[in-house]
Amino acid sequence: MLAYRLIHALLVDDRGISGEVYSALINWLTNHKNGSTELAERITCVAREIEGRWYVPEGTMFKPGDRTNESR
């Protein structure tokens, strides 16, 4: 849960994160023993890229198990 809160705080920020950091985050979530492929998939569904920075719109929830904000 702590990892989710940290990731959410980083991605909801107006400045977002760089493409390099976004790729590393998704890679960690899908390949690390403590990662979560479900969370990686949810982030991928809601994340947006503008000028090389990745973010999720404010108010977007992407916590595993939360099906209230399905996108795309």
PDB file of N, CA and C in Angstrom:
ATOM      1  N   MET A   1       0.818  -1.192   0.000  1.00  0.00           N
ATOM      2  CA  MET A   1       0.000   0.000   0.000  1.00  0.00           C
ATOM      3  C   MET A   1       0.859   1.253   0.000  1.00  0.00           C
ATOM      4  N   LEU A   2       1.991   1.226   0.687  1.00  0.00           N
ATOM      5  CA  LEU A   2       2.880   2.378   0.699  1.00  0.00           C
ATOM      6  C   LEU A   2       3.406   2.658  -0.713  1.00  0.00           C
ATOM      7  N   ALA A   3       3.766   1.617  -1.438  1.00  0.00           N
ATOM      8  CA  ALA A   3       4.246   1.801  -2.817  1.00  0.00           C
ATOM      9  C   ALA A   3       3.157   2.449  -3.673  1.00  0.00           C
ATOM     10  N   TYR A   4       1.912   2.012  -3.517  1.00  0.00           N
ATOM     11  CA  TYR A   4       0.813   2.606  -4.282  1.00  0.00           C
ATOM     12  C   TYR A   4       0.698   4.094  -3.971  1.00  0.00           C
ATOM     13  N   ARG A   5       0.747   4.467  -2.703  1.00  0.00           N
ATOM     14  CA  ARG A   5       0.605   5.877  -2.329  1.00  0.00           C
ATOM     15  C   ARG A   5       1.742   6.729  -2.891  1.00  0.00           C
ATOM     16  N   LEU A   6       2.954   6.202  -2.868  1.00  0.00           N
ATOM     17  CA  LEU A   6       4.087   6.921  -3.423  1.00  0.00           C
ATOM     18  C   LEU A   6       3.928   7.092  -4.935  1.00  0.00           C
ATOM     19  N   ILE A   7       3.595   6.023  -5.620  1.00  0.00           N
ATOM     20  CA  ILE A   7       3.411   6.071  -7.074  1.00  0.00           C
ATOM     21  C   ILE A   7       2.278   7.032  -7.428  1.00  0.00           C
ATOM     22  N   HIS A   8       1.188   6.967  -6.706  1.00  0.00           N
ATOM     23  CA  HIS A   8       0.050   7.852  -6.955  1.00  0.00           C
ATOM     24  C   HIS A   8       0.470   9.314  -6.773  1.00  0.00           C
ATOM     25  N   ALA A   9       1.195   9.615  -5.699  1.00  0.00           N
ATOM     26  CA  ALA A   9       1.636  10.994  -5.447  1.00  0.00           C
ATOM     27  C   ALA A   9       2.548  11.496  -6.566  1.00  0.00           C
ATOM     28  N   LEU A  10       3.422  10.648  -7.066  1.00  0.00           N
ATOM     29  CA  LEU A  10       4.317  11.050  -8.152  1.00  0.00           C
ATOM     30  C   LEU A  10       3.565  11.305  -9.447  1.00  0.00           C
ATOM     31  N   LEU A  11       2.622  10.440  -9.770  1.00  0.00           N
ATOM     32  CA  LEU A  11       1.934  10.541 -11.055  1.00  0.00           C
ATOM     33  C   LEU A  11       0.810  11.564 -11.077  1.00  0.00           C
ATOM     34  N   VAL A  12       0.225  11.895  -9.947  1.00  0.00           N
ATOM     35  CA  VAL A  12      -0.856  12.879  -9.921  1.00  0.00           C
ATOM     36  C   VAL A  12      -0.290  14.301  -9.935  1.00  0.00           C
ATOM     37  N   ASP A  13       0.967  14.457  -9.619  1.00  0.00           N
ATOM     38  CA  ASP A  13       1.621  15.765  -9.636  1.00  0.00           C
ATOM     39  C   ASP A  13       1.522  16.387 -11.030  1.00  0.00           C
ATOM     40  N   ASP A  14       1.290  17.693 -11.095  1.00  0.00           N
ATOM     41  CA  ASP A  14       1.149  18.394 -12.373  1.00  0.00           C
ATOM     42  C   ASP A  14       2.360  18.226 -13.290  1.00  0.00           C
ATOM     43  N   ARG A  15       3.541  18.100 -12.703  1.00  0.00           N
ATOM     44  CA  ARG A  15       4.747  17.946 -13.516  1.00  0.00           C
ATOM     45  C   ARG A  15       4.959  16.505 -13.949  1.00  0.00           C
ATOM     46  N   GLY A  16       4.322  15.562 -13.275  1.00  0.00           N
ATOM     47  CA  GLY A  16       4.473  14.157 -13.626  1.00  0.00           C
ATOM     48  C   GLY A  16       5.895  13.658 -13.441  1.00  0.00           C
ATOM     49  N   ILE A  17       6.239  12.626 -14.194  1.00  0.00           N
ATOM     50  CA  ILE A  17       7.578  12.050 -14.142  1.00  0.00           C
ATOM     51  C   ILE A  17       8.095  11.892 -15.565  1.00  0.00           C
ATOM     52  N   SER A  18       9.397  11.829 -15.709  1.00  0.00           N
ATOM     53  CA  SER A  18       9.993  11.702 -17.043  1.00  0.00           C
ATOM     54  C   SER A  18       9.670  10.337 -17.650  1.00  0.00           C
ATOM     55  N   GLY A  19       9.807  10.251 -18.946  1.00  0.00           N
ATOM     56  CA  GLY A  19       9.580   8.983 -19.635  1.00  0.00           C
ATOM     57  C   GLY A  19      10.509   7.884 -19.157  1.00  0.00           C
ATOM     58  N   GLU A  20      11.742   8.257 -18.851  1.00  0.00           N
ATOM     59  CA  GLU A  20      12.722   7.291 -18.360  1.00  0.00           C
ATOM     60  C   GLU A  20      12.291   6.726 -17.003  1.00  0.00           C
ATOM     61  N   VAL A  21      11.835   7.589 -16.124  1.00  0.00           N
ATOM     62  CA  VAL A  21      11.382   7.145 -14.801  1.00  0.00           C
ATOM     63  C   VAL A  21      10.099   6.337 -14.940  1.00  0.00           C
ATOM     64  N   TYR A  22       9.191   6.762 -15.826  1.00  0.00           N
ATOM     65  CA  TYR A  22       7.949   6.023 -16.048  1.00  0.00           C
ATOM     66  C   TYR A  22       8.258   4.599 -16.523  1.00  0.00           C
ATOM     67  N   SER A  23       9.171   4.466 -17.481  1.00  0.00           N
ATOM     68  CA  SER A  23       9.552   3.137 -17.976  1.00  0.00           C
ATOM     69  C   SER A  23      10.160   2.278 -16.874  1.00  0.00           C
ATOM     70  N   ALA A  24      11.018   2.893 -16.050  1.00  0.00           N
ATOM     71  CA  ALA A  24      11.626   2.154 -14.944  1.00  0.00           C
ATOM     72  C   ALA A  24      10.571   1.708 -13.935  1.00  0.00           C
ATOM     73  N   LEU A  25       9.594   2.573 -13.666  1.00  0.00           N
ATOM     74  CA  LEU A  25       8.516   2.238 -12.732  1.00  0.00           C
ATOM     75  C   LEU A  25       7.711   1.047 -13.239  1.00  0.00           C
ATOM     76  N   ILE A  26       7.289   1.102 -14.492  1.00  0.00           N
ATOM     77  CA  ILE A  26       6.505  -0.008 -15.054  1.00  0.00           C
ATOM     78  C   ILE A  26       7.338  -1.281 -15.080  1.00  0.00           C
ATOM     79  N   ASN A  27       8.611  -1.161 -15.429  1.00  0.00           N
ATOM     80  CA  ASN A  27       9.511  -2.318 -15.441  1.00  0.00           C
ATOM     81  C   ASN A  27       9.621  -2.927 -14.050  1.00  0.00           C
ATOM     82  N   TRP A  28       9.798  -2.078 -13.028  1.00  0.00           N
ATOM     83  CA  TRP A  28       9.892  -2.583 -11.656  1.00  0.00           C
ATOM     84  C   TRP A  28       8.600  -3.291 -11.259  1.00  0.00           C
ATOM     85  N   LEU A  29       7.470  -2.671 -11.555  1.00  0.00           N
ATOM     86  CA  LEU A  29       6.189  -3.266 -11.166  1.00  0.00           C
ATOM     87  C   LEU A  29       5.958  -4.616 -11.836  1.00  0.00           C
ATOM     88  N   THR A  30       6.409  -4.772 -13.065  1.00  0.00           N
ATOM     89  CA  THR A  30       6.147  -6.023 -13.781  1.00  0.00           C
ATOM     90  C   THR A  30       7.199  -7.102 -13.525  1.00  0.00           C
ATOM     91  N   ASN A  31       8.391  -6.719 -13.068  1.00  0.00           N
ATOM     92  CA  ASN A  31       9.465  -7.706 -12.948  1.00  0.00           C
ATOM     93  C   ASN A  31       9.987  -7.964 -11.541  1.00  0.00           C
ATOM     94  N   HIS A  32       9.733  -7.079 -10.600  1.00  0.00           N
ATOM     95  CA  HIS A  32      10.264  -7.254  -9.248  1.00  0.00           C
ATOM     96  C   HIS A  32       9.343  -8.172  -8.444  1.00  0.00           C
ATOM     97  N   LYS A  33       9.929  -8.947  -7.553  1.00  0.00           N
ATOM     98  CA  LYS A  33       9.118  -9.874  -6.760  1.00  0.00           C
ATOM     99  C   LYS A  33       8.086  -9.150  -5.899  1.00  0.00           C
ATOM    100  N   ASN A  34       8.347  -7.901  -5.520  1.00  0.00           N
ATOM    101  CA  ASN A  34       7.389  -7.136  -4.730  1.00  0.00           C
ATOM    102  C   ASN A  34       6.541  -6.192  -5.583  1.00  0.00           C
ATOM    103  N   GLY A  35       6.697  -6.283  -6.879  1.00  0.00           N
ATOM    104  CA  GLY A  35       5.926  -5.436  -7.784  1.00  0.00           C
ATOM    105  C   GLY A  35       4.507  -5.968  -7.970  1.00  0.00           C
ATOM    106  N   SER A  36       3.791  -5.368  -8.883  1.00  0.00           N
ATOM    107  CA  SER A  36       2.411  -5.767  -9.136  1.00  0.00           C
ATOM    108  C   SER A  36       2.082  -5.548 -10.605  1.00  0.00           C
ATOM    109  N   THR A  37       1.935  -6.638 -11.341  1.00  0.00           N
ATOM    110  CA  THR A  37       1.589  -6.498 -12.761  1.00  0.00           C
ATOM    111  C   THR A  37       0.210  -5.872 -12.918  1.00  0.00           C
ATOM    112  N   GLU A  38      -0.692  -6.142 -11.982  1.00  0.00           N
ATOM    113  CA  GLU A  38      -2.018  -5.537 -12.048  1.00  0.00           C
ATOM    114  C   GLU A  38      -1.926  -4.019 -11.912  1.00  0.00           C
ATOM    115  N   LEU A  39      -1.112  -3.538 -10.982  1.00  0.00           N
ATOM    116  CA  LEU A  39      -0.944  -2.105 -10.810  1.00  0.00           C
ATOM    117  C   LEU A  39      -0.295  -1.492 -12.053  1.00  0.00           C
ATOM    118  N   ALA A  40       0.683  -2.163 -12.618  1.00  0.00           N
ATOM    119  CA  ALA A  40       1.324  -1.677 -13.846  1.00  0.00           C
ATOM    120  C   ALA A  40       0.303  -1.544 -14.971  1.00  0.00           C
ATOM    121  N   GLU A  41      -0.565  -2.519 -15.121  1.00  0.00           N
ATOM    122  CA  GLU A  41      -1.603  -2.465 -16.155  1.00  0.00           C
ATOM    123  C   GLU A  41      -2.575  -1.319 -15.907  1.00  0.00           C
ATOM    124  N   ARG A  42      -2.957  -1.115 -14.668  1.00  0.00           N
ATOM    125  CA  ARG A  42      -3.896  -0.035 -14.338  1.00  0.00           C
ATOM    126  C   ARG A  42      -3.273   1.327 -14.607  1.00  0.00           C
ATOM    127  N   ILE A  43      -2.004   1.500 -14.239  1.00  0.00           N
ATOM    128  CA  ILE A  43      -1.311   2.762 -14.508  1.00  0.00           C
ATOM    129  C   ILE A  43      -1.236   2.996 -16.010  1.00  0.00           C
ATOM    130  N   THR A  44      -0.874   1.969 -16.745  1.00  0.00           N
ATOM    131  CA  THR A  44      -0.760   2.085 -18.192  1.00  0.00           C
ATOM    132  C   THR A  44      -2.084   2.509 -18.829  1.00  0.00           C
ATOM    133  N   CYS A  45      -3.189   2.064 -18.279  1.00  0.00           N
ATOM    134  CA  CYS A  45      -4.505   2.413 -18.827  1.00  0.00           C
ATOM    135  C   CYS A  45      -4.885   3.874 -18.597  1.00  0.00           C
ATOM    136  N   VAL A  46      -4.412   4.484 -17.529  1.00  0.00           N
ATOM    137  CA  VAL A  46      -4.845   5.848 -17.194  1.00  0.00           C
ATOM    138  C   VAL A  46      -3.770   6.910 -17.395  1.00  0.00           C
ATOM    139  N   ALA A  47      -2.513   6.504 -17.534  1.00  0.00           N
ATOM    140  CA  ALA A  47      -1.423   7.473 -17.660  1.00  0.00           C
ATOM    141  C   ALA A  47      -1.490   8.202 -18.999  1.00  0.00           C
ATOM    142  N   ARG A  48      -1.091   9.458 -18.960  1.00  0.00           N
ATOM    143  CA  ARG A  48      -1.052  10.308 -20.145  1.00  0.00           C
ATOM    144  C   ARG A  48       0.349  10.912 -20.261  1.00  0.00           C
ATOM    145  N   GLU A  49       0.786  11.129 -21.496  1.00  0.00           N
ATOM    146  CA  GLU A  49       2.097  11.717 -21.733  1.00  0.00           C
ATOM    147  C   GLU A  49       1.933  13.060 -22.430  1.00  0.00           C
ATOM    148  N   ILE A  50       2.553  14.077 -21.877  1.00  0.00           N
ATOM    149  CA  ILE A  50       2.569  15.403 -22.484  1.00  0.00           C
ATOM    150  C   ILE A  50       3.994  15.928 -22.403  1.00  0.00           C
ATOM    151  N   GLU A  51       4.546  16.260 -23.560  1.00  0.00           N
ATOM    152  CA  GLU A  51       5.895  16.819 -23.650  1.00  0.00           C
ATOM    153  C   GLU A  51       6.920  15.967 -22.910  1.00  0.00           C
ATOM    154  N   GLY A  52       6.815  14.654 -23.051  1.00  0.00           N
ATOM    155  CA  GLY A  52       7.779  13.741 -22.455  1.00  0.00           C
ATOM    156  C   GLY A  52       7.602  13.480 -20.977  1.00  0.00           C
ATOM    157  N   ARG A  53       6.559  14.024 -20.361  1.00  0.00           N
ATOM    158  CA  ARG A  53       6.292  13.816 -18.940  1.00  0.00           C
ATOM    159  C   ARG A  53       5.028  12.973 -18.799  1.00  0.00           C
ATOM    160  N   TRP A  54       5.065  11.995 -17.929  1.00  0.00           N
ATOM    161  CA  TRP A  54       3.927  11.104 -17.702  1.00  0.00           C
ATOM    162  C   TRP A  54       3.219  11.483 -16.414  1.00  0.00           C
ATOM    163  N   TYR A  55       1.896  11.454 -16.443  1.00  0.00           N
ATOM    164  CA  TYR A  55       1.085  11.786 -15.274  1.00  0.00           C
ATOM    165  C   TYR A  55      -0.254  11.082 -15.391  1.00  0.00           C
ATOM    166  N   VAL A  56      -1.018  11.107 -14.322  1.00  0.00           N
ATOM    167  CA  VAL A  56      -2.424  10.678 -14.375  1.00  0.00           C
ATOM    168  C   VAL A  56      -3.263  11.879 -13.952  1.00  0.00           C
ATOM    169  N   PRO A  57      -4.418  12.054 -14.573  1.00  0.00           N
ATOM    170  CA  PRO A  57      -5.274  13.188 -14.215  1.00  0.00           C
ATOM    171  C   PRO A  57      -5.672  13.130 -12.735  1.00  0.00           C
ATOM    172  N   GLU A  58      -5.732  14.310 -12.107  1.00  0.00           N
ATOM    173  CA  GLU A  58      -6.121  14.380 -10.706  1.00  0.00           C
ATOM    174  C   GLU A  58      -7.486  13.734 -10.509  1.00  0.00           C
ATOM    175  N   GLY A  59      -7.643  13.011  -9.426  1.00  0.00           N
ATOM    176  CA  GLY A  59      -8.897  12.328  -9.131  1.00  0.00           C
ATOM    177  C   GLY A  59      -8.955  10.909  -9.682  1.00  0.00           C
ATOM    178  N   THR A  60      -7.953  10.541 -10.493  1.00  0.00           N
ATOM    179  CA  THR A  60      -7.909   9.192 -11.066  1.00  0.00           C
ATOM    180  C   THR A  60      -7.402   8.209 -10.026  1.00  0.00           C
ATOM    181  N   MET A  61      -8.105   7.111  -9.884  1.00  0.00           N
ATOM    182  CA  MET A  61      -7.670   6.054  -8.983  1.00  0.00           C
ATOM    183  C   MET A  61      -7.228   4.873  -9.841  1.00  0.00           C
ATOM    184  N   PHE A  62      -6.135   4.268  -9.481  1.00  0.00           N
ATOM    185  CA  PHE A  62      -5.674   3.117 -10.243  1.00  0.00           C
ATOM    186  C   PHE A  62      -5.205   1.990  -9.335  1.00  0.00           C
ATOM    187  N   LYS A  63      -5.678   2.019  -8.093  1.00  0.00           N
ATOM    188  CA  LYS A  63      -5.307   0.997  -7.120  1.00  0.00           C
ATOM    189  C   LYS A  63      -5.835  -0.368  -7.571  1.00  0.00           C
ATOM    190  N   PRO A  64      -5.017  -1.417  -7.495  1.00  0.00           N
ATOM    191  CA  PRO A  64      -5.511  -2.751  -7.838  1.00  0.00           C
ATOM    192  C   PRO A  64      -6.780  -3.086  -7.054  1.00  0.00           C
ATOM    193  N   GLY A  65      -7.730  -3.637  -7.750  1.00  0.00           N
ATOM    194  CA  GLY A  65      -8.992  -3.999  -7.131  1.00  0.00           C
ATOM    195  C   GLY A  65     -10.035  -2.904  -7.239  1.00  0.00           C
ATOM    196  N   ASP A  66      -9.632  -1.668  -7.533  1.00  0.00           N
ATOM    197  CA  ASP A  66     -10.576  -0.553  -7.674  1.00  0.00           C
ATOM    198  C   ASP A  66     -11.038  -0.482  -9.120  1.00  0.00           C
ATOM    199  N   ARG A  67     -12.252  -0.797  -9.377  1.00  0.00           N
ATOM    200  CA  ARG A  67     -12.779  -0.821 -10.734  1.00  0.00           C
ATOM    201  C   ARG A  67     -13.689   0.385 -11.016  1.00  0.00           C
ATOM    202  N   THR A  68     -13.587   1.437 -10.196  1.00  0.00           N
ATOM    203  CA  THR A  68     -14.491   2.571 -10.354  1.00  0.00           C
ATOM    204  C   THR A  68     -14.102   3.495 -11.479  1.00  0.00           C
ATOM    205  N   ASN A  69     -12.833   3.517 -11.903  1.00  0.00           N
ATOM    206  CA  ASN A  69     -12.402   4.435 -12.954  1.00  0.00           C
ATOM    207  C   ASN A  69     -11.750   3.680 -14.102  1.00  0.00           C
ATOM    208  N   GLU A  70     -12.526   2.964 -14.854  1.00  0.00           N
ATOM    209  CA  GLU A  70     -12.013   2.292 -16.021  1.00  0.00           C
ATOM    210  C   GLU A  70     -11.840   3.308 -17.136  1.00  0.00           C
ATOM    211  N   SER A  71     -10.690   3.305 -17.789  1.00  0.00           N
ATOM    212  CA  SER A  71     -10.421   4.225 -18.892  1.00  0.00           C
ATOM    213  C   SER A  71     -10.091   3.460 -20.146  1.00  0.00           C
ATOM    214  N   ARG A  72     -10.318   4.122 -21.258  1.00  0.00           N
ATOM    215  CA  ARG A  72     -10.031   3.594 -22.599  1.00  0.00           C
ATOM    216  C   ARG A  72     -10.717   2.301 -22.842  1.00  0.00           C
TER     217      ARG A  72
END
